[in-house]
């Protein structure tokens, strides 16, 4: 097991993690900015107003993108398990 192999594996793991988190975080960011703009224009300064729409957006994002996220994670896990045979030798 070389340093390049370990670095490549770590890079692939981080890329997969970012790819899986991006849809949910993006939706949460978009909803948060929208609610913040709405609060700024209406001068409603309630801190808890942003939580419910963000939670609903995150749940909707997981429901819509869950299959893709699971398939991506399964592909990465399968690739890791296939590498075990080459690393052990």
N, C-alpha and C. Protein backbone atom coordinates (compact mmCIF):
# COMPACT_ATOMS: atom_id res chain seq x y z
N UNK A 1 0.86 -1.16 0.00
CA UNK A 1 0.00 0.00 0.00
C UNK A 1 0.91 1.24 0.00
N UNK A 2 0.79 2.02 -1.05
CA UNK A 2 1.65 3.19 -1.20
C UNK A 2 0.96 4.45 -0.71
N UNK A 3 1.73 5.49 -0.62
CA UNK A 3 1.17 6.78 -0.20
C UNK A 3 0.18 7.30 -1.23
N UNK A 4 0.46 7.09 -2.50
CA UNK A 4 -0.45 7.54 -3.56
C UNK A 4 -1.80 6.85 -3.45
N UNK A 5 -1.77 5.56 -3.13
CA UNK A 5 -3.00 4.79 -2.99
C UNK A 5 -3.84 5.32 -1.84
N UNK A 6 -3.19 5.57 -0.71
CA UNK A 6 -3.91 6.07 0.46
C UNK A 6 -4.47 7.47 0.20
N UNK A 7 -3.66 8.33 -0.41
CA UNK A 7 -4.13 9.68 -0.73
C UNK A 7 -5.27 9.67 -1.73
N UNK A 8 -5.17 8.79 -2.73
CA UNK A 8 -6.25 8.67 -3.71
C UNK A 8 -7.53 8.17 -3.06
N UNK A 9 -7.40 7.22 -2.16
CA UNK A 9 -8.57 6.69 -1.45
C UNK A 9 -9.20 7.75 -0.55
N UNK A 10 -8.37 8.53 0.14
CA UNK A 10 -8.89 9.60 0.99
C UNK A 10 -9.56 10.68 0.16
N UNK A 11 -8.98 11.00 -0.99
CA UNK A 11 -9.57 12.00 -1.87
C UNK A 11 -10.92 11.51 -2.41
N UNK A 12 -10.98 10.27 -2.78
CA UNK A 12 -12.24 9.70 -3.28
C UNK A 12 -13.31 9.66 -2.19
N UNK A 13 -12.90 9.35 -0.96
CA UNK A 13 -13.85 9.32 0.16
C UNK A 13 -14.39 10.73 0.43
N UNK A 14 -13.52 11.73 0.45
CA UNK A 14 -13.97 13.10 0.68
C UNK A 14 -14.85 13.61 -0.46
N UNK A 15 -14.49 13.26 -1.68
CA UNK A 15 -15.31 13.67 -2.82
C UNK A 15 -16.70 13.04 -2.75
N UNK A 16 -16.76 11.78 -2.38
CA UNK A 16 -18.05 11.10 -2.25
C UNK A 16 -18.88 11.72 -1.14
N UNK A 17 -18.24 12.04 -0.02
CA UNK A 17 -18.96 12.65 1.10
C UNK A 17 -19.51 14.02 0.71
N UNK A 18 -18.71 14.82 0.02
CA UNK A 18 -19.18 16.13 -0.43
C UNK A 18 -20.30 16.00 -1.46
N UNK A 19 -20.17 15.03 -2.33
CA UNK A 19 -21.19 14.81 -3.35
C UNK A 19 -22.51 14.38 -2.72
N UNK A 20 -22.45 13.58 -1.67
CA UNK A 20 -23.67 13.14 -1.00
C UNK A 20 -24.30 14.25 -0.17
N UNK A 21 -23.50 15.12 0.40
CA UNK A 21 -24.02 16.18 1.27
C UNK A 21 -24.48 17.40 0.47
N UNK A 22 -24.01 17.57 -0.73
CA UNK A 22 -24.29 18.78 -1.51
C UNK A 22 -25.78 19.05 -1.76
N UNK A 23 -26.59 18.08 -2.18
CA UNK A 23 -28.00 18.40 -2.44
C UNK A 23 -28.75 18.88 -1.20
N UNK A 24 -28.52 18.22 -0.07
CA UNK A 24 -29.23 18.58 1.16
C UNK A 24 -28.75 19.93 1.67
N UNK A 25 -27.44 20.14 1.66
CA UNK A 25 -26.91 21.43 2.11
C UNK A 25 -27.31 22.56 1.18
N UNK A 26 -27.34 22.29 -0.11
CA UNK A 26 -27.75 23.32 -1.07
C UNK A 26 -29.20 23.73 -0.88
N UNK A 27 -30.08 22.75 -0.67
CA UNK A 27 -31.48 23.08 -0.42
C UNK A 27 -31.65 23.86 0.88
N UNK A 28 -30.92 23.46 1.90
CA UNK A 28 -31.00 24.16 3.17
C UNK A 28 -30.50 25.59 3.04
N UNK A 29 -29.43 25.78 2.29
CA UNK A 29 -28.90 27.12 2.06
C UNK A 29 -29.88 27.97 1.28
N UNK A 30 -30.46 27.41 0.25
CA UNK A 30 -31.42 28.15 -0.58
C UNK A 30 -32.65 28.56 0.22
N UNK A 31 -33.18 27.65 1.02
CA UNK A 31 -34.35 27.97 1.85
C UNK A 31 -33.98 28.99 2.91
N UNK A 32 -32.80 28.88 3.50
CA UNK A 32 -32.37 29.82 4.51
C UNK A 32 -32.22 31.24 3.96
N UNK A 33 -31.65 31.35 2.78
CA UNK A 33 -31.51 32.67 2.16
C UNK A 33 -32.87 33.25 1.80
N UNK A 34 -33.76 32.41 1.29
CA UNK A 34 -35.11 32.88 0.94
C UNK A 34 -35.86 33.38 2.17
N UNK A 35 -35.80 32.61 3.24
CA UNK A 35 -36.48 33.01 4.48
C UNK A 35 -35.84 34.28 5.05
N UNK A 36 -34.52 34.38 4.97
CA UNK A 36 -33.84 35.59 5.47
C UNK A 36 -34.25 36.82 4.68
N UNK A 37 -34.37 36.69 3.37
CA UNK A 37 -34.83 37.82 2.56
C UNK A 37 -36.27 38.18 2.90
N UNK A 38 -37.10 37.17 3.11
CA UNK A 38 -38.48 37.42 3.50
C UNK A 38 -38.55 38.12 4.86
N UNK A 39 -37.72 37.69 5.79
CA UNK A 39 -37.70 38.33 7.10
C UNK A 39 -37.19 39.77 7.01
N UNK A 40 -36.22 40.00 6.14
CA UNK A 40 -35.68 41.36 6.01
C UNK A 40 -36.70 42.30 5.38
N UNK A 41 -37.47 41.80 4.42
CA UNK A 41 -38.44 42.68 3.77
C UNK A 41 -39.66 42.93 4.63
N UNK A 42 -40.05 41.96 5.43
CA UNK A 42 -41.23 42.14 6.27
C UNK A 42 -40.89 42.59 7.69
N UNK A 43 -39.61 42.67 8.01
CA UNK A 43 -39.10 43.08 9.31
C UNK A 43 -39.61 42.18 10.45
N UNK A 44 -39.80 40.90 10.13
CA UNK A 44 -40.11 39.90 11.15
C UNK A 44 -38.78 39.31 11.59
N UNK A 45 -38.42 39.51 12.84
CA UNK A 45 -37.11 39.06 13.32
C UNK A 45 -37.23 37.87 14.26
N UNK A 46 -38.01 36.90 13.87
CA UNK A 46 -38.18 35.68 14.66
C UNK A 46 -37.10 34.67 14.26
N UNK A 47 -36.29 34.24 15.21
CA UNK A 47 -35.18 33.34 14.92
C UNK A 47 -35.64 31.92 14.58
N UNK A 48 -36.74 31.49 15.17
CA UNK A 48 -37.19 30.11 14.96
C UNK A 48 -37.96 29.93 13.65
N UNK A 49 -38.22 31.00 12.94
CA UNK A 49 -39.00 30.92 11.70
C UNK A 49 -38.28 30.13 10.61
N UNK A 50 -36.96 30.10 10.65
CA UNK A 50 -36.22 29.43 9.58
C UNK A 50 -36.12 27.92 9.77
N UNK A 51 -36.32 27.43 10.98
CA UNK A 51 -36.07 26.01 11.23
C UNK A 51 -37.05 25.08 10.53
N UNK A 52 -38.32 25.35 10.61
CA UNK A 52 -39.32 24.44 10.04
C UNK A 52 -39.19 24.35 8.51
N UNK A 53 -39.09 25.47 7.77
CA UNK A 53 -38.90 25.33 6.32
C UNK A 53 -37.61 24.61 5.94
N UNK A 54 -36.54 24.82 6.72
CA UNK A 54 -35.29 24.12 6.43
C UNK A 54 -35.43 22.63 6.66
N UNK A 55 -36.10 22.24 7.74
CA UNK A 55 -36.29 20.82 8.03
C UNK A 55 -37.14 20.17 6.94
N UNK A 56 -38.19 20.86 6.51
CA UNK A 56 -39.04 20.34 5.44
C UNK A 56 -38.25 20.21 4.14
N UNK A 57 -37.41 21.20 3.84
CA UNK A 57 -36.60 21.16 2.62
C UNK A 57 -35.59 20.02 2.67
N UNK A 58 -34.97 19.81 3.82
CA UNK A 58 -34.00 18.73 3.95
C UNK A 58 -34.69 17.37 3.80
N UNK A 59 -35.84 17.20 4.43
CA UNK A 59 -36.57 15.94 4.29
C UNK A 59 -37.00 15.71 2.84
N UNK A 60 -37.49 16.77 2.19
CA UNK A 60 -37.87 16.64 0.77
C UNK A 60 -36.65 16.32 -0.09
N UNK A 61 -35.53 16.93 0.21
CA UNK A 61 -34.31 16.64 -0.54
C UNK A 61 -33.85 15.20 -0.38
N UNK A 62 -33.94 14.70 0.83
CA UNK A 62 -33.56 13.30 1.07
C UNK A 62 -34.54 12.36 0.37
N UNK A 63 -35.81 12.70 0.39
CA UNK A 63 -36.79 11.86 -0.29
C UNK A 63 -36.59 11.87 -1.81
N UNK A 64 -36.28 13.04 -2.36
CA UNK A 64 -36.10 13.14 -3.81
C UNK A 64 -34.76 12.58 -4.27
N UNK A 65 -33.70 12.84 -3.51
CA UNK A 65 -32.37 12.45 -3.94
C UNK A 65 -31.85 11.20 -3.22
N UNK A 66 -32.66 10.62 -2.35
CA UNK A 66 -32.22 9.49 -1.54
C UNK A 66 -31.76 8.29 -2.34
N UNK A 67 -32.47 7.97 -3.39
CA UNK A 67 -32.11 6.81 -4.20
C UNK A 67 -30.74 7.02 -4.85
N UNK A 68 -30.53 8.21 -5.39
CA UNK A 68 -29.23 8.52 -6.01
C UNK A 68 -28.11 8.51 -4.96
N UNK A 69 -28.39 9.09 -3.79
CA UNK A 69 -27.40 9.12 -2.73
C UNK A 69 -27.04 7.71 -2.28
N UNK A 70 -28.03 6.86 -2.13
CA UNK A 70 -27.79 5.48 -1.71
C UNK A 70 -27.00 4.72 -2.77
N UNK A 71 -27.35 4.90 -4.04
CA UNK A 71 -26.60 4.22 -5.10
C UNK A 71 -25.15 4.67 -5.15
N UNK A 72 -24.91 5.98 -4.97
CA UNK A 72 -23.55 6.50 -4.96
C UNK A 72 -22.76 5.91 -3.80
N UNK A 73 -23.38 5.84 -2.63
CA UNK A 73 -22.71 5.28 -1.46
C UNK A 73 -22.45 3.78 -1.63
N UNK A 74 -23.39 3.07 -2.23
CA UNK A 74 -23.20 1.64 -2.47
C UNK A 74 -22.08 1.38 -3.47
N UNK A 75 -21.99 2.20 -4.51
CA UNK A 75 -20.90 2.05 -5.48
C UNK A 75 -19.55 2.27 -4.81
N UNK A 76 -19.46 3.30 -3.98
CA UNK A 76 -18.20 3.57 -3.28
C UNK A 76 -17.85 2.44 -2.32
N UNK A 77 -18.83 1.95 -1.58
CA UNK A 77 -18.59 0.86 -0.63
C UNK A 77 -18.18 -0.41 -1.36
N UNK A 78 -18.83 -0.70 -2.47
CA UNK A 78 -18.46 -1.88 -3.25
C UNK A 78 -17.04 -1.77 -3.77
N UNK A 79 -16.68 -0.58 -4.21
CA UNK A 79 -15.31 -0.35 -4.69
C UNK A 79 -14.29 -0.55 -3.57
N UNK A 80 -14.63 -0.08 -2.38
CA UNK A 80 -13.73 -0.25 -1.23
C UNK A 80 -13.58 -1.73 -0.89
N UNK A 81 -14.68 -2.47 -0.87
CA UNK A 81 -14.60 -3.90 -0.55
C UNK A 81 -13.85 -4.67 -1.62
N UNK A 82 -13.91 -4.24 -2.87
CA UNK A 82 -13.14 -4.91 -3.93
C UNK A 82 -11.66 -4.62 -3.78
N UNK A 83 -11.32 -3.47 -3.21
CA UNK A 83 -9.91 -3.12 -3.01
C UNK A 83 -9.29 -3.89 -1.86
N UNK A 84 -10.09 -4.43 -0.97
CA UNK A 84 -9.55 -5.13 0.20
C UNK A 84 -8.65 -6.28 -0.22
N UNK A 85 -9.04 -6.99 -1.26
CA UNK A 85 -8.23 -8.11 -1.74
C UNK A 85 -6.85 -7.68 -2.22
N UNK A 86 -6.76 -6.53 -2.84
CA UNK A 86 -5.46 -6.06 -3.33
C UNK A 86 -4.62 -5.46 -2.21
N UNK A 87 -5.27 -4.90 -1.21
CA UNK A 87 -4.52 -4.26 -0.12
C UNK A 87 -3.95 -5.30 0.83
N UNK A 88 -4.68 -6.37 1.06
CA UNK A 88 -4.24 -7.40 2.01
C UNK A 88 -3.04 -8.15 1.51
N UNK A 89 -2.93 -8.35 0.24
CA UNK A 89 -1.81 -9.13 -0.34
C UNK A 89 -0.52 -8.50 -0.09
